[in-house]
Amino acid sequence: MSGAASSARPRKRSLTLQGHRTSVSLEDAFWEDLQAIAEARGQSVNALVAEIDAARGVSAGLASAIRVFVLAAAKAR
């Protein structure tokens, strides 16, 4: 499989939110940007995702909320 095709497939990663382990599936591009945003803010990815989780609506899934957050950050640049 080519690099572009494999990076388009969601990858599951484990995070800790509110003391509980959870898994989130995101494409590599979203994981990379999420990591860069967290580093720029001086936070861990877990801390940033906890903020995103706290701000999302009850109808939004966590992976979707992360994607929207990363997209909004990219548009703001």
PDB file of N, CA and C in Angstrom:
ATOM      1  N   MET A   1       0.841  -1.183   0.000  1.00  0.00           N
ATOM      2  CA  MET A   1       0.000   0.000   0.000  1.00  0.00           C
ATOM      3  C   MET A   1       0.879   1.235   0.000  1.00  0.00           C
ATOM      4  N   SER A   2       0.472   2.258  -0.750  1.00  0.00           N
ATOM      5  CA  SER A   2       1.274   3.480  -0.826  1.00  0.00           C
ATOM      6  C   SER A   2       1.168   4.274   0.461  1.00  0.00           C
ATOM      7  N   GLY A   3       2.112   5.188   0.678  1.00  0.00           N
ATOM      8  CA  GLY A   3       2.108   6.021   1.874  1.00  0.00           C
ATOM      9  C   GLY A   3       0.858   6.866   1.977  1.00  0.00           C
ATOM     10  N   ALA A   4       0.416   7.428   0.853  1.00  0.00           N
ATOM     11  CA  ALA A   4      -0.779   8.276   0.864  1.00  0.00           C
ATOM     12  C   ALA A   4      -2.011   7.464   1.229  1.00  0.00           C
ATOM     13  N   ALA A   5      -2.120   6.249   0.696  1.00  0.00           N
ATOM     14  CA  ALA A   5      -3.288   5.421   0.999  1.00  0.00           C
ATOM     15  C   ALA A   5      -3.285   4.970   2.450  1.00  0.00           C
ATOM     16  N   SER A   6      -2.120   4.599   2.970  1.00  0.00           N
ATOM     17  CA  SER A   6      -2.084   4.140   4.353  1.00  0.00           C
ATOM     18  C   SER A   6      -2.328   5.282   5.334  1.00  0.00           C
ATOM     19  N   SER A   7      -1.891   6.502   5.007  1.00  0.00           N
ATOM     20  CA  SER A   7      -2.102   7.621   5.913  1.00  0.00           C
ATOM     21  C   SER A   7      -3.548   8.093   5.893  1.00  0.00           C
ATOM     22  N   ALA A   8      -4.309   7.708   4.852  1.00  0.00           N
ATOM     23  CA  ALA A   8      -5.721   8.080   4.766  1.00  0.00           C
ATOM     24  C   ALA A   8      -6.592   7.168   5.622  1.00  0.00           C
ATOM     25  N   ARG A   9      -6.055   6.040   6.029  1.00  0.00           N
ATOM     26  CA  ARG A   9      -6.813   5.118   6.873  1.00  0.00           C
ATOM     27  C   ARG A   9      -6.729   5.573   8.319  1.00  0.00           C
ATOM     28  N   PRO A  10      -7.846   5.577   9.004  1.00  0.00           N
ATOM     29  CA  PRO A  10      -7.816   5.954  10.424  1.00  0.00           C
ATOM     30  C   PRO A  10      -6.953   4.981  11.236  1.00  0.00           C
ATOM     31  N   ARG A  11      -6.229   5.541  12.183  1.00  0.00           N
ATOM     32  CA  ARG A  11      -5.424   4.733  13.110  1.00  0.00           C
ATOM     33  C   ARG A  11      -5.967   4.950  14.515  1.00  0.00           C
ATOM     34  N   LYS A  12      -6.105   3.864  15.225  1.00  0.00           N
ATOM     35  CA  LYS A  12      -6.633   3.930  16.578  1.00  0.00           C
ATOM     36  C   LYS A  12      -5.477   4.168  17.551  1.00  0.00           C
ATOM     37  N   ARG A  13      -5.666   5.134  18.431  1.00  0.00           N
ATOM     38  CA  ARG A  13      -4.672   5.425  19.471  1.00  0.00           C
ATOM     39  C   ARG A  13      -5.393   5.518  20.802  1.00  0.00           C
ATOM     40  N   SER A  14      -4.692   5.180  21.850  1.00  0.00           N
ATOM     41  CA  SER A  14      -5.275   5.240  23.192  1.00  0.00           C
ATOM     42  C   SER A  14      -4.947   6.559  23.855  1.00  0.00           C
ATOM     43  N   LEU A  15      -5.921   7.096  24.571  1.00  0.00           N
ATOM     44  CA  LEU A  15      -5.776   8.339  25.320  1.00  0.00           C
ATOM     45  C   LEU A  15      -6.356   8.125  26.705  1.00  0.00           C
ATOM     46  N   THR A  16      -5.975   8.996  27.637  1.00  0.00           N
ATOM     47  CA  THR A  16      -6.566   8.968  28.966  1.00  0.00           C
ATOM     48  C   THR A  16      -7.354  10.252  29.163  1.00  0.00           C
ATOM     49  N   LEU A  17      -8.655  10.107  29.407  1.00  0.00           N
ATOM     50  CA  LEU A  17      -9.544  11.238  29.652  1.00  0.00           C
ATOM     51  C   LEU A  17     -10.249  11.021  30.975  1.00  0.00           C
ATOM     52  N   GLN A  18     -10.136  11.983  31.856  1.00  0.00           N
ATOM     53  CA  GLN A  18     -10.765  11.919  33.172  1.00  0.00           C
ATOM     54  C   GLN A  18     -10.407  10.617  33.897  1.00  0.00           C
ATOM     55  N   GLY A  19      -9.154  10.205  33.756  1.00  0.00           N
ATOM     56  CA  GLY A  19      -8.660   9.018  34.438  1.00  0.00           C
ATOM     57  C   GLY A  19      -9.040   7.698  33.801  1.00  0.00           C
ATOM     58  N   HIS A  20      -9.694   7.732  32.645  1.00  0.00           N
ATOM     59  CA  HIS A  20     -10.125   6.508  31.969  1.00  0.00           C
ATOM     60  C   HIS A  20      -9.480   6.423  30.599  1.00  0.00           C
ATOM     61  N   ARG A  21      -9.074   5.208  30.229  1.00  0.00           N
ATOM     62  CA  ARG A  21      -8.495   4.982  28.914  1.00  0.00           C
ATOM     63  C   ARG A  21      -9.610   4.915  27.879  1.00  0.00           C
ATOM     64  N   THR A  22      -9.372   5.524  26.740  1.00  0.00           N
ATOM     65  CA  THR A  22     -10.302   5.459  25.625  1.00  0.00           C
ATOM     66  C   THR A  22      -9.497   5.404  24.341  1.00  0.00           C
ATOM     67  N   SER A  23     -10.103   4.943  23.284  1.00  0.00           N
ATOM     68  CA  SER A  23      -9.442   4.870  21.990  1.00  0.00           C
ATOM     69  C   SER A  23     -10.138   5.805  21.020  1.00  0.00           C
ATOM     70  N   VAL A  24      -9.341   6.427  20.168  1.00  0.00           N
ATOM     71  CA  VAL A  24      -9.859   7.333  19.144  1.00  0.00           C
ATOM     72  C   VAL A  24      -9.194   6.957  17.828  1.00  0.00           C
ATOM     73  N   SER A  25      -9.996   6.862  16.785  1.00  0.00           N
ATOM     74  CA  SER A  25      -9.485   6.568  15.445  1.00  0.00           C
ATOM     75  C   SER A  25      -9.492   7.838  14.606  1.00  0.00           C
ATOM     76  N   LEU A  26      -8.307   8.243  14.162  1.00  0.00           N
ATOM     77  CA  LEU A  26      -8.143   9.418  13.314  1.00  0.00           C
ATOM     78  C   LEU A  26      -7.104   9.112  12.241  1.00  0.00           C
ATOM     79  N   GLU A  27      -7.205   9.811  11.130  1.00  0.00           N
ATOM     80  CA  GLU A  27      -6.215   9.696  10.082  1.00  0.00           C
ATOM     81  C   GLU A  27      -4.909  10.334  10.565  1.00  0.00           C
ATOM     82  N   ASP A  28      -3.780   9.870   9.984  1.00  0.00           N
ATOM     83  CA  ASP A  28      -2.459  10.358  10.401  1.00  0.00           C
ATOM     84  C   ASP A  28      -2.346  11.875  10.354  1.00  0.00           C
ATOM     85  N   ALA A  29      -2.912  12.502   9.329  1.00  0.00           N
ATOM     86  CA  ALA A  29      -2.813  13.961   9.205  1.00  0.00           C
ATOM     87  C   ALA A  29      -3.434  14.653  10.420  1.00  0.00           C
ATOM     88  N   PHE A  30      -4.542  14.128  10.924  1.00  0.00           N
ATOM     89  CA  PHE A  30      -5.174  14.725  12.099  1.00  0.00           C
ATOM     90  C   PHE A  30      -4.348  14.474  13.354  1.00  0.00           C
ATOM     91  N   TRP A  31      -3.789  13.265  13.489  1.00  0.00           N
ATOM     92  CA  TRP A  31      -2.928  12.998  14.651  1.00  0.00           C
ATOM     93  C   TRP A  31      -1.717  13.928  14.645  1.00  0.00           C
ATOM     94  N   GLU A  32      -1.106  14.103  13.465  1.00  0.00           N
ATOM     95  CA  GLU A  32       0.083  14.956  13.358  1.00  0.00           C
ATOM     96  C   GLU A  32      -0.234  16.405  13.707  1.00  0.00           C
ATOM     97  N   ASP A  33      -1.331  16.925  13.172  1.00  0.00           N
ATOM     98  CA  ASP A  33      -1.699  18.316  13.479  1.00  0.00           C
ATOM     99  C   ASP A  33      -2.106  18.471  14.936  1.00  0.00           C
ATOM    100  N   LEU A  34      -2.803  17.485  15.482  1.00  0.00           N
ATOM    101  CA  LEU A  34      -3.196  17.539  16.892  1.00  0.00           C
ATOM    102  C   LEU A  34      -1.961  17.598  17.785  1.00  0.00           C
ATOM    103  N   GLN A  35      -0.960  16.779  17.477  1.00  0.00           N
ATOM    104  CA  GLN A  35       0.299  16.782  18.224  1.00  0.00           C
ATOM    105  C   GLN A  35       0.986  18.141  18.115  1.00  0.00           C
ATOM    106  N   ALA A  36       1.021  18.718  16.912  1.00  0.00           N
ATOM    107  CA  ALA A  36       1.671  20.013  16.702  1.00  0.00           C
ATOM    108  C   ALA A  36       0.943  21.120  17.473  1.00  0.00           C
ATOM    109  N   ILE A  37      -0.380  21.080  17.474  1.00  0.00           N
ATOM    110  CA  ILE A  37      -1.158  22.077  18.220  1.00  0.00           C
ATOM    111  C   ILE A  37      -0.874  21.948  19.711  1.00  0.00           C
ATOM    112  N   ALA A  38      -0.870  20.726  20.211  1.00  0.00           N
ATOM    113  CA  ALA A  38      -0.593  20.505  21.638  1.00  0.00           C
ATOM    114  C   ALA A  38       0.801  21.020  22.001  1.00  0.00           C
ATOM    115  N   GLU A  39       1.793  20.716  21.182  1.00  0.00           N
ATOM    116  CA  GLU A  39       3.164  21.180  21.443  1.00  0.00           C
ATOM    117  C   GLU A  39       3.235  22.706  21.435  1.00  0.00           C
ATOM    118  N   ALA A  40       2.568  23.335  20.468  1.00  0.00           N
ATOM    119  CA  ALA A  40       2.582  24.797  20.376  1.00  0.00           C
ATOM    120  C   ALA A  40       1.935  25.444  21.600  1.00  0.00           C
ATOM    121  N   ARG A  41       0.987  24.747  22.192  1.00  0.00           N
ATOM    122  CA  ARG A  41       0.293  25.263  23.373  1.00  0.00           C
ATOM    123  C   ARG A  41       0.970  24.831  24.679  1.00  0.00           C
ATOM    124  N   GLY A  42       2.019  24.033  24.562  1.00  0.00           N
ATOM    125  CA  GLY A  42       2.723  23.561  25.752  1.00  0.00           C
ATOM    126  C   GLY A  42       1.919  22.547  26.550  1.00  0.00           C
ATOM    127  N   GLN A  43       1.125  21.738  25.851  1.00  0.00           N
ATOM    128  CA  GLN A  43       0.297  20.737  26.523  1.00  0.00           C
ATOM    129  C   GLN A  43       0.579  19.360  25.958  1.00  0.00           C
ATOM    130  N   SER A  44       0.125  18.373  26.672  1.00  0.00           N
ATOM    131  CA  SER A  44       0.143  17.017  26.145  1.00  0.00           C
ATOM    132  C   SER A  44      -1.065  16.838  25.240  1.00  0.00           C
ATOM    133  N   VAL A  45      -1.014  15.831  24.390  1.00  0.00           N
ATOM    134  CA  VAL A  45      -2.159  15.516  23.546  1.00  0.00           C
ATOM    135  C   VAL A  45      -3.349  15.142  24.426  1.00  0.00           C
ATOM    136  N   ASN A  46      -3.112  14.391  25.501  1.00  0.00           N
ATOM    137  CA  ASN A  46      -4.200  14.022  26.410  1.00  0.00           C
ATOM    138  C   ASN A  46      -4.884  15.257  26.987  1.00  0.00           C
ATOM    139  N   ALA A  47      -4.116  16.260  27.385  1.00  0.00           N
ATOM    140  CA  ALA A  47      -4.693  17.481  27.959  1.00  0.00           C
ATOM    141  C   ALA A  47      -5.504  18.244  26.917  1.00  0.00           C
ATOM    142  N   LEU A  48      -4.985  18.330  25.696  1.00  0.00           N
ATOM    143  CA  LEU A  48      -5.703  19.018  24.639  1.00  0.00           C
ATOM    144  C   LEU A  48      -6.996  18.282  24.293  1.00  0.00           C
ATOM    145  N   VAL A  49      -6.934  16.970  24.179  1.00  0.00           N
ATOM    146  CA  VAL A  49      -8.139  16.198  23.868  1.00  0.00           C
ATOM    147  C   VAL A  49      -9.147  16.299  25.011  1.00  0.00           C
ATOM    148  N   ALA A  50      -8.674  16.392  26.239  1.00  0.00           N
ATOM    149  CA  ALA A  50      -9.597  16.582  27.369  1.00  0.00           C
ATOM    150  C   ALA A  50     -10.354  17.897  27.222  1.00  0.00           C
ATOM    151  N   GLU A  51      -9.685  18.955  26.758  1.00  0.00           N
ATOM    152  CA  GLU A  51     -10.354  20.239  26.513  1.00  0.00           C
ATOM    153  C   GLU A  51     -11.385  20.114  25.399  1.00  0.00           C
ATOM    154  N   ILE A  52     -10.994  19.440  24.328  1.00  0.00           N
ATOM    155  CA  ILE A  52     -11.908  19.234  23.207  1.00  0.00           C
ATOM    156  C   ILE A  52     -13.115  18.424  23.661  1.00  0.00           C
ATOM    157  N   ASP A  53     -12.861  17.390  24.446  1.00  0.00           N
ATOM    158  CA  ASP A  53     -13.928  16.533  24.963  1.00  0.00           C
ATOM    159  C   ASP A  53     -14.901  17.328  25.827  1.00  0.00           C
ATOM    160  N   ALA A  54     -14.375  18.189  26.680  1.00  0.00           N
ATOM    161  CA  ALA A  54     -15.223  18.978  27.574  1.00  0.00           C
ATOM    162  C   ALA A  54     -16.070  19.984  26.801  1.00  0.00           C
ATOM    163  N   ALA A  55     -15.563  20.457  25.669  1.00  0.00           N
ATOM    164  CA  ALA A  55     -16.264  21.491  24.900  1.00  0.00           C
ATOM    165  C   ALA A  55     -17.245  20.937  23.871  1.00  0.00           C
ATOM    166  N   ARG A  56     -17.150  19.643  23.575  1.00  0.00           N
ATOM    167  CA  ARG A  56     -18.013  19.092  22.514  1.00  0.00           C
ATOM    168  C   ARG A  56     -19.438  18.912  23.006  1.00  0.00           C
ATOM    169  N   GLY A  57     -20.341  18.948  22.091  1.00  0.00           N
ATOM    170  CA  GLY A  57     -21.739  18.699  22.421  1.00  0.00           C
ATOM    171  C   GLY A  57     -21.976  17.210  22.636  1.00  0.00           C
ATOM    172  N   VAL A  58     -23.068  16.898  23.264  1.00  0.00           N
ATOM    173  CA  VAL A  58     -23.362  15.494  23.554  1.00  0.00           C
ATOM    174  C   VAL A  58     -23.631  14.692  22.283  1.00  0.00           C
ATOM    175  N   SER A  59     -24.033  15.352  21.201  1.00  0.00           N
ATOM    176  CA  SER A  59     -24.328  14.627  19.970  1.00  0.00           C
ATOM    177  C   SER A  59     -23.085  14.383  19.114  1.00  0.00           C
ATOM    178  N   ALA A  60     -22.001  15.101  19.394  1.00  0.00           N
ATOM    179  CA  ALA A  60     -20.779  14.952  18.600  1.00  0.00           C
ATOM    180  C   ALA A  60     -19.903  13.848  19.179  1.00  0.00           C
ATOM    181  N   GLY A  61     -19.406  12.972  18.301  1.00  0.00           N
ATOM    182  CA  GLY A  61     -18.449  11.964  18.726  1.00  0.00           C
ATOM    183  C   GLY A  61     -17.099  12.611  18.962  1.00  0.00           C
ATOM    184  N   LEU A  62     -16.266  11.972  19.774  1.00  0.00           N
ATOM    185  CA  LEU A  62     -14.968  12.550  20.106  1.00  0.00           C
ATOM    186  C   LEU A  62     -14.082  12.690  18.868  1.00  0.00           C
ATOM    187  N   ALA A  63     -14.019  11.672  18.030  1.00  0.00           N
ATOM    188  CA  ALA A  63     -13.177  11.755  16.830  1.00  0.00           C
ATOM    189  C   ALA A  63     -13.639  12.903  15.930  1.00  0.00           C
ATOM    190  N   SER A  64     -14.929  13.052  15.769  1.00  0.00           N
ATOM    191  CA  SER A  64     -15.456  14.158  14.956  1.00  0.00           C
ATOM    192  C   SER A  64     -15.108  15.499  15.574  1.00  0.00           C
ATOM    193  N   ALA A  65     -15.227  15.611  16.887  1.00  0.00           N
ATOM    194  CA  ALA A  65     -14.907  16.861  17.574  1.00  0.00           C
ATOM    195  C   ALA A  65     -13.432  17.217  17.395  1.00  0.00           C
ATOM    196  N   ILE A  66     -12.563  16.218  17.439  1.00  0.00           N
ATOM    197  CA  ILE A  66     -11.132  16.457  17.239  1.00  0.00           C
ATOM    198  C   ILE A  66     -10.876  16.931  15.808  1.00  0.00           C
ATOM    199  N   ARG A  67     -11.499  16.270  14.835  1.00  0.00           N
ATOM    200  CA  ARG A  67     -11.309  16.675  13.436  1.00  0.00           C
ATOM    201  C   ARG A  67     -11.755  18.123  13.221  1.00  0.00           C
ATOM    202  N   VAL A  68     -12.907  18.486  13.764  1.00  0.00           N
ATOM    203  CA  VAL A  68     -13.414  19.857  13.614  1.00  0.00           C
ATOM    204  C   VAL A  68     -12.468  20.847  14.293  1.00  0.00           C
ATOM    205  N   PHE A  69     -11.946  20.499  15.467  1.00  0.00           N
ATOM    206  CA  PHE A  69     -11.005  21.359  16.181  1.00  0.00           C
ATOM    207  C   PHE A  69      -9.740  21.578  15.350  1.00  0.00           C
ATOM    208  N   VAL A  70      -9.187  20.500  14.811  1.00  0.00           N
ATOM    209  CA  VAL A  70      -7.961  20.596  14.013  1.00  0.00           C
ATOM    210  C   VAL A  70      -8.221  21.412  12.746  1.00  0.00           C
ATOM    211  N   LEU A  71      -9.370  21.207  12.105  1.00  0.00           N
ATOM    212  CA  LEU A  71      -9.701  21.959  10.909  1.00  0.00           C
ATOM    213  C   LEU A  71      -9.839  23.452  11.236  1.00  0.00           C
ATOM    214  N   ALA A  72     -10.506  23.779  12.335  1.00  0.00           N
ATOM    215  CA  ALA A  72     -10.657  25.188  12.743  1.00  0.00           C
ATOM    216  C   ALA A  72      -9.293  25.819  13.024  1.00  0.00           C
ATOM    217  N   ALA A  73      -8.395  25.058  13.659  1.00  0.00           N
ATOM    218  CA  ALA A  73      -7.050  25.576  13.930  1.00  0.00           C
ATOM    219  C   ALA A  73      -6.293  25.818  12.633  1.00  0.00           C
ATOM    220  N   ALA A  74      -6.453  24.929  11.659  1.00  0.00           N
ATOM    221  CA  ALA A  74      -5.778  25.105  10.375  1.00  0.00           C
ATOM    222  C   ALA A  74      -6.319  26.326   9.637  1.00  0.00           C
ATOM    223  N   LYS A  75      -7.618  26.534   9.702  1.00  0.00           N
ATOM    224  CA  LYS A  75      -8.219  27.698   9.041  1.00  0.00           C
ATOM    225  C   LYS A  75      -7.783  29.005   9.711  1.00  0.00           C
ATOM    226  N   ALA A  76      -7.539  28.950  11.011  1.00  0.00           N
ATOM    227  CA  ALA A  76      -7.137  30.146  11.747  1.00  0.00           C
ATOM    228  C   ALA A  76      -5.700  30.566  11.449  1.00  0.00           C
ATOM    229  N   ARG A  77      -4.893  29.643  10.927  1.00  0.00           N
ATOM    230  CA  ARG A  77      -3.494  29.951  10.610  1.00  0.00           C
ATOM    231  C   ARG A  77      -3.368  30.834   9.418  1.00  0.00           C
TER     232      ARG A  77
END
